[in-house]
Amino acid sequence: MTAVSLDDTIRGVSGKHDRTLQANFADPVRANINWSDVESLLSSLGADISEGSGSRVRIALNGVRAVFHRPHPEKETDKGAVKSMRRYLSEAGVTP
């Protein structure tokens, strides 16, 4: 699958979504990205997001499916979750 930038995926995307995408791909890996911002980015990309059991969230984007856990009690993701989301976005063809 060919990687596309956020601008190629959605015209007129907000700067906040672009900043969230950049944060997911930043080096060194960040551990302070709000999960709600990640979900908002995914929704703006057209992802199908559904609730699983407990804190699980099922995501389908561009034919790629994954299950993530919402962070709790914190609202920010940890480094492991950011790495997983980075890998997922890349597999779905979304890169900065």
N, C-alpha and C. Protein backbone atom coordinates (compact mmCIF):
# COMPACT_ATOMS: atom_id res chain seq x y z
N MET A 1 0.85 -1.17 0.00
CA MET A 1 0.00 0.00 0.00
C MET A 1 0.90 1.23 0.00
N THR A 2 0.52 2.20 -0.78
CA THR A 2 1.28 3.43 -0.88
C THR A 2 0.94 4.34 0.29
N ALA A 3 1.95 4.86 0.94
CA ALA A 3 1.72 5.78 2.05
C ALA A 3 1.24 7.12 1.51
N VAL A 4 0.26 7.67 2.18
CA VAL A 4 -0.25 8.98 1.81
C VAL A 4 -0.15 9.90 3.01
N SER A 5 0.05 11.15 2.73
CA SER A 5 0.12 12.10 3.84
C SER A 5 -1.28 12.43 4.29
N LEU A 6 -1.40 13.01 5.44
CA LEU A 6 -2.69 13.41 5.97
C LEU A 6 -3.36 14.39 5.02
N ASP A 7 -2.61 15.30 4.44
CA ASP A 7 -3.19 16.28 3.51
C ASP A 7 -3.75 15.60 2.27
N ASP A 8 -3.11 14.50 1.81
CA ASP A 8 -3.62 13.77 0.66
C ASP A 8 -4.87 12.98 1.03
N THR A 9 -5.00 12.60 2.29
CA THR A 9 -6.14 11.82 2.73
C THR A 9 -7.35 12.70 2.93
N ILE A 10 -7.18 13.85 3.54
CA ILE A 10 -8.29 14.74 3.84
C ILE A 10 -7.89 16.16 3.51
N ARG A 11 -8.66 16.80 2.68
CA ARG A 11 -8.41 18.21 2.38
C ARG A 11 -9.02 19.05 3.49
N GLY A 12 -8.32 20.08 3.91
CA GLY A 12 -8.86 20.99 4.91
C GLY A 12 -8.85 20.42 6.31
N VAL A 13 -7.96 19.45 6.58
CA VAL A 13 -7.87 18.87 7.92
C VAL A 13 -7.39 19.93 8.90
N SER A 14 -7.82 19.80 10.13
CA SER A 14 -7.44 20.81 11.12
C SER A 14 -5.97 20.68 11.49
N GLY A 15 -5.41 21.77 11.96
CA GLY A 15 -4.03 21.76 12.41
C GLY A 15 -3.83 20.84 13.59
N LYS A 16 -4.86 20.69 14.42
CA LYS A 16 -4.75 19.81 15.58
C LYS A 16 -4.54 18.36 15.15
N HIS A 17 -5.25 17.92 14.12
CA HIS A 17 -5.06 16.55 13.64
C HIS A 17 -3.67 16.36 13.07
N ASP A 18 -3.19 17.37 12.36
CA ASP A 18 -1.85 17.30 11.80
C ASP A 18 -0.82 17.22 12.93
N ARG A 19 -1.00 18.02 13.98
CA ARG A 19 -0.06 17.97 15.12
C ARG A 19 -0.11 16.60 15.81
N THR A 20 -1.29 16.01 15.90
CA THR A 20 -1.41 14.68 16.52
C THR A 20 -0.69 13.64 15.67
N LEU A 21 -0.85 13.71 14.36
CA LEU A 21 -0.16 12.78 13.47
C LEU A 21 1.35 12.95 13.60
N GLN A 22 1.82 14.19 13.59
CA GLN A 22 3.26 14.46 13.74
C GLN A 22 3.77 13.92 15.07
N ALA A 23 2.99 14.09 16.14
CA ALA A 23 3.40 13.62 17.46
C ALA A 23 3.53 12.10 17.49
N ASN A 24 2.66 11.39 16.77
CA ASN A 24 2.73 9.94 16.74
C ASN A 24 3.99 9.44 16.05
N PHE A 25 4.52 10.22 15.13
CA PHE A 25 5.71 9.80 14.39
C PHE A 25 6.99 10.50 14.87
N ALA A 26 6.90 11.28 15.93
CA ALA A 26 8.07 12.02 16.42
C ALA A 26 9.11 11.08 17.03
N ASP A 27 10.37 11.46 16.88
CA ASP A 27 11.47 10.76 17.55
C ASP A 27 12.18 11.77 18.43
N PRO A 28 12.45 11.45 19.68
CA PRO A 28 12.13 10.20 20.36
C PRO A 28 10.63 10.06 20.57
N VAL A 29 10.21 8.82 20.79
CA VAL A 29 8.79 8.50 20.96
C VAL A 29 8.23 9.27 22.15
N ARG A 30 7.09 9.92 21.94
CA ARG A 30 6.46 10.70 22.99
C ARG A 30 5.51 9.83 23.82
N ALA A 31 5.31 10.23 25.05
CA ALA A 31 4.40 9.49 25.93
C ALA A 31 3.33 10.41 26.50
N ASN A 32 3.06 11.51 25.82
CA ASN A 32 2.11 12.47 26.37
C ASN A 32 1.04 12.88 25.37
N ILE A 33 0.66 11.97 24.48
CA ILE A 33 -0.36 12.26 23.48
C ILE A 33 -1.71 11.86 24.06
N ASN A 34 -2.65 12.79 24.09
CA ASN A 34 -3.98 12.49 24.61
C ASN A 34 -4.67 11.46 23.71
N TRP A 35 -5.21 10.42 24.34
CA TRP A 35 -5.89 9.38 23.57
C TRP A 35 -7.08 9.96 22.81
N SER A 36 -7.78 10.92 23.40
CA SER A 36 -8.93 11.53 22.72
C SER A 36 -8.49 12.21 21.43
N ASP A 37 -7.29 12.78 21.40
CA ASP A 37 -6.77 13.39 20.18
C ASP A 37 -6.47 12.33 19.12
N VAL A 38 -5.98 11.18 19.56
CA VAL A 38 -5.70 10.07 18.63
C VAL A 38 -7.02 9.58 18.02
N GLU A 39 -8.04 9.39 18.85
CA GLU A 39 -9.34 8.94 18.34
C GLU A 39 -9.93 9.97 17.38
N SER A 40 -9.77 11.24 17.69
CA SER A 40 -10.27 12.30 16.82
C SER A 40 -9.55 12.27 15.47
N LEU A 41 -8.25 12.08 15.49
CA LEU A 41 -7.47 11.95 14.25
C LEU A 41 -7.98 10.77 13.43
N LEU A 42 -8.13 9.62 14.08
CA LEU A 42 -8.59 8.43 13.37
C LEU A 42 -9.97 8.64 12.75
N SER A 43 -10.86 9.28 13.49
CA SER A 43 -12.20 9.57 12.97
C SER A 43 -12.12 10.47 11.75
N SER A 44 -11.25 11.48 11.81
CA SER A 44 -11.13 12.41 10.69
C SER A 44 -10.55 11.72 9.46
N LEU A 45 -9.81 10.63 9.67
CA LEU A 45 -9.26 9.86 8.56
C LEU A 45 -10.27 8.88 7.98
N GLY A 46 -11.43 8.77 8.64
CA GLY A 46 -12.48 7.87 8.16
C GLY A 46 -12.46 6.50 8.79
N ALA A 47 -11.75 6.36 9.91
CA ALA A 47 -11.67 5.07 10.58
C ALA A 47 -13.01 4.69 11.20
N ASP A 48 -13.30 3.40 11.22
CA ASP A 48 -14.46 2.88 11.92
C ASP A 48 -13.98 2.50 13.32
N ILE A 49 -14.50 3.18 14.33
CA ILE A 49 -14.09 2.96 15.72
C ILE A 49 -15.27 2.41 16.48
N SER A 50 -15.06 1.25 17.13
CA SER A 50 -16.14 0.66 17.92
C SER A 50 -15.61 0.22 19.28
N GLU A 51 -16.52 0.20 20.24
CA GLU A 51 -16.16 -0.17 21.60
C GLU A 51 -16.04 -1.69 21.71
N GLY A 52 -15.02 -2.13 22.42
CA GLY A 52 -14.89 -3.53 22.75
C GLY A 52 -15.20 -3.68 24.23
N SER A 53 -14.85 -4.81 24.79
CA SER A 53 -15.09 -5.00 26.23
C SER A 53 -14.01 -4.28 27.03
N GLY A 54 -14.41 -3.82 28.20
CA GLY A 54 -13.47 -3.09 29.05
C GLY A 54 -13.01 -1.82 28.37
N SER A 55 -11.70 -1.62 28.32
CA SER A 55 -11.15 -0.40 27.72
C SER A 55 -10.71 -0.62 26.27
N ARG A 56 -11.11 -1.73 25.68
CA ARG A 56 -10.70 -2.03 24.31
C ARG A 56 -11.46 -1.16 23.30
N VAL A 57 -10.73 -0.80 22.25
CA VAL A 57 -11.30 -0.02 21.15
C VAL A 57 -10.88 -0.72 19.86
N ARG A 58 -11.87 -1.10 19.04
CA ARG A 58 -11.58 -1.73 17.75
C ARG A 58 -11.54 -0.63 16.69
N ILE A 59 -10.50 -0.68 15.85
CA ILE A 59 -10.32 0.34 14.83
C ILE A 59 -10.09 -0.34 13.48
N ALA A 60 -10.78 0.16 12.46
CA ALA A 60 -10.58 -0.30 11.09
C ALA A 60 -10.35 0.93 10.22
N LEU A 61 -9.23 0.94 9.52
CA LEU A 61 -8.88 2.06 8.66
C LEU A 61 -8.19 1.53 7.41
N ASN A 62 -8.73 1.87 6.24
CA ASN A 62 -8.15 1.44 4.97
C ASN A 62 -7.94 -0.07 4.90
N GLY A 63 -8.88 -0.82 5.44
CA GLY A 63 -8.81 -2.28 5.40
C GLY A 63 -7.89 -2.90 6.45
N VAL A 64 -7.30 -2.10 7.30
CA VAL A 64 -6.41 -2.59 8.36
C VAL A 64 -7.16 -2.49 9.68
N ARG A 65 -7.18 -3.61 10.41
CA ARG A 65 -7.90 -3.66 11.69
C ARG A 65 -6.92 -3.83 12.85
N ALA A 66 -7.29 -3.26 13.99
CA ALA A 66 -6.47 -3.39 15.19
C ALA A 66 -7.35 -3.16 16.41
N VAL A 67 -6.86 -3.64 17.55
CA VAL A 67 -7.52 -3.40 18.84
C VAL A 67 -6.52 -2.69 19.74
N PHE A 68 -6.93 -1.58 20.31
CA PHE A 68 -6.10 -0.83 21.24
C PHE A 68 -6.83 -0.73 22.57
N HIS A 69 -6.10 -0.40 23.60
CA HIS A 69 -6.67 -0.17 24.92
C HIS A 69 -6.61 1.32 25.23
N ARG A 70 -7.74 1.86 25.66
CA ARG A 70 -7.73 3.25 26.12
C ARG A 70 -6.92 3.33 27.40
N PRO A 71 -6.07 4.33 27.51
CA PRO A 71 -5.31 4.47 28.76
C PRO A 71 -6.23 4.88 29.91
N HIS A 72 -5.97 4.34 31.06
CA HIS A 72 -6.73 4.74 32.26
C HIS A 72 -5.90 4.42 33.47
N PRO A 73 -5.90 5.13 34.52
CA PRO A 73 -6.75 6.30 34.72
C PRO A 73 -6.21 7.55 34.02
N GLU A 74 -5.01 7.48 33.46
CA GLU A 74 -4.46 8.64 32.75
C GLU A 74 -5.21 8.84 31.44
N LYS A 75 -5.07 10.01 30.86
CA LYS A 75 -5.68 10.26 29.56
C LYS A 75 -4.65 10.24 28.43
N GLU A 76 -3.36 10.15 28.78
CA GLU A 76 -2.30 10.15 27.78
C GLU A 76 -1.83 8.73 27.48
N THR A 77 -1.38 8.54 26.26
CA THR A 77 -0.84 7.25 25.85
C THR A 77 0.57 7.07 26.41
N ASP A 78 1.00 5.81 26.51
CA ASP A 78 2.38 5.55 26.90
C ASP A 78 3.20 5.30 25.63
N LYS A 79 4.50 5.17 25.78
CA LYS A 79 5.38 5.02 24.62
C LYS A 79 5.07 3.77 23.82
N GLY A 80 4.72 2.68 24.50
CA GLY A 80 4.38 1.44 23.80
C GLY A 80 3.16 1.60 22.91
N ALA A 81 2.15 2.30 23.43
CA ALA A 81 0.93 2.53 22.65
C ALA A 81 1.22 3.44 21.46
N VAL A 82 2.08 4.42 21.64
CA VAL A 82 2.43 5.32 20.53
C VAL A 82 3.16 4.54 19.44
N LYS A 83 4.07 3.66 19.82
CA LYS A 83 4.77 2.83 18.84
C LYS A 83 3.79 1.94 18.08
N SER A 84 2.84 1.36 18.80
CA SER A 84 1.82 0.51 18.16
C SER A 84 0.95 1.32 17.21
N MET A 85 0.56 2.51 17.63
CA MET A 85 -0.27 3.37 16.77
C MET A 85 0.52 3.80 15.54
N ARG A 86 1.79 4.10 15.71
CA ARG A 86 2.65 4.48 14.58
C ARG A 86 2.69 3.35 13.56
N ARG A 87 2.89 2.13 14.04
CA ARG A 87 2.94 0.95 13.16
C ARG A 87 1.58 0.77 12.46
N TYR A 88 0.49 0.92 13.23
CA TYR A 88 -0.84 0.76 12.66
C TYR A 88 -1.10 1.80 11.57
N LEU A 89 -0.82 3.06 11.84
CA LEU A 89 -1.04 4.11 10.86
C LEU A 89 -0.21 3.85 9.59
N SER A 90 1.03 3.41 9.77
CA SER A 90 1.88 3.10 8.60
C SER A 90 1.28 1.97 7.77
N GLU A 91 0.80 0.92 8.45
CA GLU A 91 0.19 -0.21 7.74
C GLU A 91 -1.08 0.23 7.02
N ALA A 92 -1.78 1.21 7.57
CA ALA A 92 -3.01 1.72 6.96
C ALA A 92 -2.71 2.75 5.87
N GLY A 93 -1.43 3.06 5.66
CA GLY A 93 -1.04 3.98 4.61
C GLY A 93 -1.09 5.44 4.99
N VAL A 94 -1.02 5.74 6.27
CA VAL A 94 -1.07 7.13 6.73
C VAL A 94 0.26 7.47 7.41
N THR A 95 0.98 8.40 6.83
CA THR A 95 2.24 8.86 7.40
C THR A 95 2.29 10.39 7.30
N PRO A 96 3.11 11.03 8.13
CA PRO A 96 3.18 12.50 8.05
C PRO A 96 3.88 12.96 6.77
